[in-house]
Amino acid sequence: MAMEQVTNAMLPGWVQWILLLFAAIGVIGAGFSYIGKLVQKATKPISDLTSNLNELASSLDELAKRGEKRDQRVDEVENAIEQTKEYQKNICLLALLIADHLIHGNGTEELKKAKKQMDEFLADK
């Protein structure tokens, strides 16, 4: 038995319509698939850019936090330097008054004032 080639004339009308419908659905599906790929290619640079921008934004946030921490540390160091300067100033004043007292033998009032000033300074710290 030889195989015969099937032609449209051999198929009933409703089968032809179903095959035509399936072919149309296939062509439309392929068209939508192609359009989808084109849209995806067209929007890929934008999505890449937004993801890069999000990464940059998170990096900037991290840098801002690190900058705030460094600013706090700098403020603490500046305060410590100011306190050290004032402490050294008071120590130098006491040393000068003690030297003056040793040289001249009197001037205990100035020593008492300086001691009171140093007590107040140390009490504040």
N, C-alpha and C. Protein backbone atom coordinates (compact mmCIF):
# COMPACT_ATOMS: atom_id res chain seq x y z
N MET A 1 0.84 -1.15 0.00
CA MET A 1 0.00 0.00 0.00
C MET A 1 0.89 1.23 0.00
N ALA A 2 0.69 2.03 -0.94
CA ALA A 2 1.48 3.23 -1.10
C ALA A 2 0.85 4.36 -0.30
N MET A 3 1.70 5.20 0.23
CA MET A 3 1.18 6.34 0.99
C MET A 3 0.81 7.44 0.03
N GLU A 4 -0.36 7.89 0.23
CA GLU A 4 -0.80 8.99 -0.62
C GLU A 4 -0.62 10.30 0.13
N GLN A 5 -0.38 11.34 -0.61
CA GLN A 5 -0.23 12.65 -0.02
C GLN A 5 -1.62 13.19 0.25
N VAL A 6 -1.82 13.73 1.47
CA VAL A 6 -3.12 14.27 1.86
C VAL A 6 -3.22 15.67 1.31
N THR A 7 -4.31 15.97 0.64
CA THR A 7 -4.57 17.31 0.10
C THR A 7 -5.81 17.88 0.75
N ASN A 8 -6.01 19.17 0.54
CA ASN A 8 -7.18 19.84 1.11
C ASN A 8 -8.48 19.23 0.62
N ALA A 9 -8.47 18.75 -0.57
CA ALA A 9 -9.70 18.20 -1.15
C ALA A 9 -10.12 16.93 -0.42
N MET A 10 -9.18 16.21 0.18
CA MET A 10 -9.49 14.96 0.84
C MET A 10 -10.04 15.16 2.25
N LEU A 11 -9.77 16.35 2.88
CA LEU A 11 -10.20 16.59 4.25
C LEU A 11 -11.58 17.24 4.27
N PRO A 12 -12.36 16.91 5.29
CA PRO A 12 -13.65 17.59 5.42
C PRO A 12 -13.44 19.07 5.75
N GLY A 13 -14.42 19.90 5.55
CA GLY A 13 -14.33 21.35 5.75
C GLY A 13 -14.03 21.76 7.17
N TRP A 14 -14.63 21.08 8.13
CA TRP A 14 -14.40 21.47 9.53
C TRP A 14 -12.98 21.16 9.97
N VAL A 15 -12.36 20.10 9.45
CA VAL A 15 -10.97 19.78 9.76
C VAL A 15 -10.05 20.84 9.16
N GLN A 16 -10.41 21.31 7.97
CA GLN A 16 -9.61 22.35 7.34
C GLN A 16 -9.65 23.63 8.19
N TRP A 17 -10.83 23.95 8.72
CA TRP A 17 -10.95 25.14 9.55
C TRP A 17 -10.15 24.99 10.85
N ILE A 18 -10.16 23.82 11.44
CA ILE A 18 -9.39 23.59 12.67
C ILE A 18 -7.90 23.72 12.39
N LEU A 19 -7.43 23.13 11.29
CA LEU A 19 -6.01 23.26 10.95
C LEU A 19 -5.64 24.70 10.66
N LEU A 20 -6.54 25.41 9.97
CA LEU A 20 -6.31 26.83 9.70
C LEU A 20 -6.24 27.62 11.00
N LEU A 21 -7.11 27.29 11.93
CA LEU A 21 -7.13 27.96 13.23
C LEU A 21 -5.82 27.70 14.00
N PHE A 22 -5.38 26.43 14.01
CA PHE A 22 -4.12 26.10 14.68
C PHE A 22 -2.94 26.81 14.02
N ALA A 23 -2.93 26.88 12.71
CA ALA A 23 -1.85 27.57 12.00
C ALA A 23 -1.86 29.06 12.34
N ALA A 24 -3.06 29.64 12.39
CA ALA A 24 -3.17 31.07 12.73
C ALA A 24 -2.69 31.32 14.16
N ILE A 25 -3.07 30.43 15.07
CA ILE A 25 -2.63 30.59 16.47
C ILE A 25 -1.11 30.47 16.56
N GLY A 26 -0.54 29.55 15.82
CA GLY A 26 0.92 29.38 15.80
C GLY A 26 1.62 30.61 15.26
N VAL A 27 1.09 31.18 14.18
CA VAL A 27 1.70 32.38 13.59
C VAL A 27 1.58 33.55 14.54
N ILE A 28 0.41 33.71 15.16
CA ILE A 28 0.20 34.82 16.10
C ILE A 28 1.11 34.65 17.32
N GLY A 29 1.22 33.41 17.83
CA GLY A 29 2.10 33.14 18.99
C GLY A 29 3.55 33.44 18.66
N ALA A 30 3.99 33.03 17.46
CA ALA A 30 5.37 33.31 17.06
C ALA A 30 5.59 34.82 16.95
N GLY A 31 4.58 35.54 16.45
CA GLY A 31 4.69 36.99 16.34
C GLY A 31 4.82 37.65 17.70
N PHE A 32 3.97 37.20 18.66
CA PHE A 32 4.05 37.75 20.01
C PHE A 32 5.40 37.41 20.66
N SER A 33 5.89 36.23 20.42
CA SER A 33 7.19 35.83 20.96
C SER A 33 8.29 36.74 20.41
N TYR A 34 8.25 37.01 19.12
CA TYR A 34 9.25 37.87 18.49
C TYR A 34 9.14 39.29 19.03
N ILE A 35 7.91 39.78 19.17
CA ILE A 35 7.71 41.13 19.72
C ILE A 35 8.20 41.19 21.16
N GLY A 36 7.93 40.13 21.93
CA GLY A 36 8.40 40.08 23.32
C GLY A 36 9.92 40.15 23.41
N LYS A 37 10.59 39.43 22.52
CA LYS A 37 12.05 39.46 22.51
C LYS A 37 12.57 40.84 22.13
N LEU A 38 11.89 41.49 21.18
CA LEU A 38 12.30 42.85 20.80
C LEU A 38 12.13 43.82 21.97
N VAL A 39 11.00 43.70 22.67
CA VAL A 39 10.74 44.57 23.83
C VAL A 39 11.78 44.31 24.91
N GLN A 40 12.09 43.03 25.13
CA GLN A 40 13.08 42.69 26.14
C GLN A 40 14.45 43.27 25.79
N LYS A 41 14.84 43.18 24.52
CA LYS A 41 16.12 43.75 24.09
C LYS A 41 16.11 45.27 24.23
N ALA A 42 14.95 45.87 23.94
CA ALA A 42 14.87 47.33 24.01
C ALA A 42 14.89 47.83 25.44
N THR A 43 14.33 47.08 26.37
CA THR A 43 14.27 47.53 27.76
C THR A 43 15.45 47.06 28.60
N LYS A 44 16.28 46.19 28.07
CA LYS A 44 17.43 45.67 28.83
C LYS A 44 18.38 46.78 29.26
N PRO A 45 18.74 47.74 28.39
CA PRO A 45 19.63 48.81 28.86
C PRO A 45 19.02 49.62 30.00
N ILE A 46 17.72 49.83 29.94
CA ILE A 46 17.07 50.60 31.01
C ILE A 46 17.09 49.82 32.31
N SER A 47 16.80 48.53 32.26
CA SER A 47 16.81 47.73 33.48
C SER A 47 18.23 47.61 34.04
N ASP A 48 19.22 47.49 33.14
CA ASP A 48 20.61 47.45 33.60
C ASP A 48 20.98 48.77 34.27
N LEU A 49 20.54 49.86 33.68
CA LEU A 49 20.84 51.18 34.24
C LEU A 49 20.20 51.36 35.61
N THR A 50 18.95 50.94 35.76
CA THR A 50 18.29 51.08 37.06
C THR A 50 18.95 50.20 38.11
N SER A 51 19.37 49.00 37.72
CA SER A 51 20.04 48.15 38.72
C SER A 51 21.39 48.77 39.11
N ASN A 52 22.10 49.34 38.13
CA ASN A 52 23.36 50.02 38.45
C ASN A 52 23.13 51.23 39.33
N LEU A 53 22.05 51.96 39.08
CA LEU A 53 21.73 53.13 39.90
C LEU A 53 21.39 52.70 41.32
N ASN A 54 20.68 51.59 41.46
CA ASN A 54 20.36 51.09 42.80
C ASN A 54 21.62 50.70 43.55
N GLU A 55 22.56 50.06 42.87
CA GLU A 55 23.82 49.71 43.49
C GLU A 55 24.60 50.96 43.90
N LEU A 56 24.60 51.96 43.03
CA LEU A 56 25.29 53.21 43.36
C LEU A 56 24.64 53.91 44.55
N ALA A 57 23.31 53.89 44.58
CA ALA A 57 22.60 54.52 45.69
C ALA A 57 22.95 53.84 47.01
N SER A 58 22.99 52.51 47.01
CA SER A 58 23.35 51.80 48.24
C SER A 58 24.80 52.09 48.63
N SER A 59 25.68 52.21 47.64
CA SER A 59 27.08 52.55 47.94
C SER A 59 27.18 53.95 48.52
N LEU A 60 26.40 54.87 47.97
CA LEU A 60 26.41 56.25 48.49
C LEU A 60 25.87 56.30 49.91
N ASP A 61 24.83 55.51 50.19
CA ASP A 61 24.29 55.46 51.55
C ASP A 61 25.34 54.94 52.53
N GLU A 62 26.05 53.90 52.12
CA GLU A 62 27.11 53.35 52.96
C GLU A 62 28.21 54.36 53.20
N LEU A 63 28.60 55.08 52.15
CA LEU A 63 29.63 56.10 52.30
C LEU A 63 29.16 57.24 53.20
N ALA A 64 27.89 57.59 53.09
CA ALA A 64 27.35 58.65 53.96
C ALA A 64 27.39 58.23 55.42
N LYS A 65 27.05 56.97 55.70
CA LYS A 65 27.09 56.49 57.07
C LYS A 65 28.52 56.49 57.60
N ARG A 66 29.46 56.05 56.74
CA ARG A 66 30.85 56.05 57.15
C ARG A 66 31.33 57.49 57.40
N GLY A 67 30.89 58.42 56.57
CA GLY A 67 31.26 59.83 56.75
C GLY A 67 30.72 60.39 58.05
N GLU A 68 29.48 60.01 58.41
CA GLU A 68 28.91 60.48 59.68
C GLU A 68 29.70 59.94 60.86
N LYS A 69 30.09 58.66 60.78
CA LYS A 69 30.89 58.09 61.86
C LYS A 69 32.22 58.81 61.99
N ARG A 70 32.84 59.10 60.85
CA ARG A 70 34.13 59.80 60.89
C ARG A 70 33.96 61.21 61.43
N ASP A 71 32.85 61.88 61.07
CA ASP A 71 32.60 63.22 61.61
C ASP A 71 32.47 63.17 63.13
N GLN A 72 31.77 62.14 63.64
CA GLN A 72 31.63 62.00 65.09
C GLN A 72 33.00 61.77 65.74
N ARG A 73 33.83 60.94 65.11
CA ARG A 73 35.16 60.69 65.66
C ARG A 73 36.01 61.95 65.65
N VAL A 74 35.92 62.72 64.57
CA VAL A 74 36.67 63.97 64.49
C VAL A 74 36.22 64.93 65.58
N ASP A 75 34.90 65.02 65.81
CA ASP A 75 34.39 65.88 66.88
C ASP A 75 34.92 65.43 68.24
N GLU A 76 34.93 64.12 68.46
CA GLU A 76 35.43 63.60 69.74
C GLU A 76 36.91 63.92 69.90
N VAL A 77 37.68 63.78 68.83
CA VAL A 77 39.11 64.07 68.89
C VAL A 77 39.33 65.57 69.14
N GLU A 78 38.55 66.41 68.47
CA GLU A 78 38.69 67.86 68.68
C GLU A 78 38.35 68.23 70.12
N ASN A 79 37.31 67.62 70.69
CA ASN A 79 36.97 67.89 72.09
C ASN A 79 38.09 67.43 73.02
N ALA A 80 38.65 66.27 72.73
CA ALA A 80 39.75 65.77 73.55
C ALA A 80 40.96 66.69 73.46
N ILE A 81 41.24 67.21 72.29
CA ILE A 81 42.36 68.14 72.12
C ILE A 81 42.12 69.42 72.92
N GLU A 82 40.90 69.94 72.86
CA GLU A 82 40.59 71.16 73.61
C GLU A 82 40.72 70.93 75.11
N GLN A 83 40.23 69.78 75.58
CA GLN A 83 40.36 69.47 77.00
C GLN A 83 41.83 69.33 77.40
N THR A 84 42.61 68.72 76.54
CA THR A 84 44.04 68.54 76.83
C THR A 84 44.74 69.90 76.88
N LYS A 85 44.39 70.78 75.96
CA LYS A 85 45.00 72.13 75.97
C LYS A 85 44.68 72.87 77.26
N GLU A 86 43.41 72.78 77.69
CA GLU A 86 43.01 73.48 78.91
C GLU A 86 43.70 72.86 80.12
N TYR A 87 43.79 71.54 80.12
CA TYR A 87 44.46 70.85 81.22
C TYR A 87 45.94 71.25 81.28
N GLN A 88 46.60 71.28 80.14
CA GLN A 88 48.01 71.67 80.09
C GLN A 88 48.19 73.12 80.54
N LYS A 89 47.25 73.97 80.15
CA LYS A 89 47.31 75.38 80.54
C LYS A 89 47.24 75.50 82.06
N ASN A 90 46.32 74.75 82.68
CA ASN A 90 46.19 74.80 84.14
C ASN A 90 47.40 74.21 84.84
N ILE A 91 47.95 73.12 84.29
CA ILE A 91 49.15 72.52 84.88
C ILE A 91 50.32 73.50 84.80
N CYS A 92 50.47 74.16 83.64
CA CYS A 92 51.55 75.15 83.49
C CYS A 92 51.37 76.31 84.46
N LEU A 93 50.13 76.76 84.65
CA LEU A 93 49.87 77.84 85.59
C LEU A 93 50.26 77.42 87.00
N LEU A 94 49.89 76.21 87.40
CA LEU A 94 50.27 75.73 88.73
C LEU A 94 51.77 75.61 88.87
N ALA A 95 52.44 75.12 87.83
CA ALA A 95 53.90 74.99 87.89
C ALA A 95 54.55 76.36 88.03
N LEU A 96 54.06 77.34 87.30
CA LEU A 96 54.62 78.70 87.41
C LEU A 96 54.38 79.29 88.79
N LEU A 97 53.18 79.08 89.35
CA LEU A 97 52.89 79.60 90.68
C LEU A 97 53.74 78.92 91.75
N ILE A 98 53.95 77.60 91.60
CA ILE A 98 54.81 76.89 92.56
C ILE A 98 56.25 77.39 92.45
N ALA A 99 56.72 77.57 91.22
CA ALA A 99 58.08 78.10 91.04
C ALA A 99 58.18 79.50 91.62
N ASP A 100 57.18 80.33 91.40
CA ASP A 100 57.16 81.69 91.96
C ASP A 100 57.17 81.63 93.48
N HIS A 101 56.40 80.71 94.05
CA HIS A 101 56.35 80.57 95.51
C HIS A 101 57.71 80.11 96.05
N LEU A 102 58.34 79.19 95.34
CA LEU A 102 59.64 78.72 95.80
C LEU A 102 60.69 79.82 95.72
N ILE A 103 60.58 80.64 94.70
CA ILE A 103 61.58 81.72 94.54
C ILE A 103 61.36 82.83 95.56
N HIS A 104 60.09 83.28 95.71
CA HIS A 104 59.81 84.45 96.56
C HIS A 104 59.39 84.06 97.97
N GLY A 105 58.93 82.87 98.17
CA GLY A 105 58.59 82.41 99.52
C GLY A 105 57.19 82.78 99.97
N ASN A 106 56.54 83.71 99.39
CA ASN A 106 55.17 84.01 99.78
C ASN A 106 54.30 83.98 98.53
N GLY A 107 53.08 84.33 98.64
CA GLY A 107 52.15 84.25 97.51
C GLY A 107 51.28 83.01 97.60
N THR A 108 50.94 82.64 98.83
CA THR A 108 50.10 81.45 98.99
C THR A 108 48.68 81.71 98.51
N GLU A 109 48.28 82.95 98.48
CA GLU A 109 46.92 83.27 98.01
C GLU A 109 46.76 82.88 96.54
N GLU A 110 47.77 83.18 95.75
CA GLU A 110 47.71 82.81 94.33
C GLU A 110 47.70 81.29 94.17
N LEU A 111 48.45 80.59 95.02
CA LEU A 111 48.45 79.12 94.98
C LEU A 111 47.08 78.57 95.36
N LYS A 112 46.44 79.19 96.36
CA LYS A 112 45.10 78.74 96.76
C LYS A 112 44.09 78.96 95.64
N LYS A 113 44.19 80.11 94.98
CA LYS A 113 43.28 80.38 93.85
C LYS A 113 43.50 79.38 92.72
N ALA A 114 44.77 79.14 92.42
CA ALA A 114 45.08 78.20 91.34
C ALA A 114 44.62 76.79 91.69
N LYS A 115 44.78 76.40 92.97
CA LYS A 115 44.31 75.07 93.41
C LYS A 115 42.80 74.98 93.28
N LYS A 116 42.11 76.03 93.70
CA LYS A 116 40.64 76.04 93.58
C LYS A 116 40.22 75.96 92.11
N GLN A 117 40.90 76.69 91.25
CA GLN A 117 40.61 76.67 89.81
C GLN A 117 40.86 75.27 89.24
N MET A 118 41.94 74.64 89.65
CA MET A 118 42.25 73.29 89.17
C MET A 118 41.23 72.29 89.70
N ASP A 119 40.80 72.46 90.96
CA ASP A 119 39.77 71.57 91.51
C ASP A 119 38.47 71.68 90.70
N GLU A 120 38.09 72.91 90.37
CA GLU A 120 36.87 73.11 89.56
C GLU A 120 37.03 72.51 88.16
N PHE A 121 38.20 72.69 87.59
CA PHE A 121 38.46 72.13 86.26
C PHE A 121 38.35 70.61 86.28
N LEU A 122 38.99 69.98 87.26
CA LEU A 122 38.97 68.52 87.33
C LEU A 122 37.59 68.00 87.71
N ALA A 123 36.84 68.75 88.50
CA ALA A 123 35.49 68.32 88.88
C ALA A 123 34.56 68.33 87.67
N ASP A 124 34.78 69.26 86.75
CA ASP A 124 33.95 69.32 85.54
C ASP A 124 34.22 68.15 84.61
N LYS A 125 35.40 67.58 84.67
CA LYS A 125 35.77 66.50 83.76
C LYS A 125 35.37 65.21 84.39
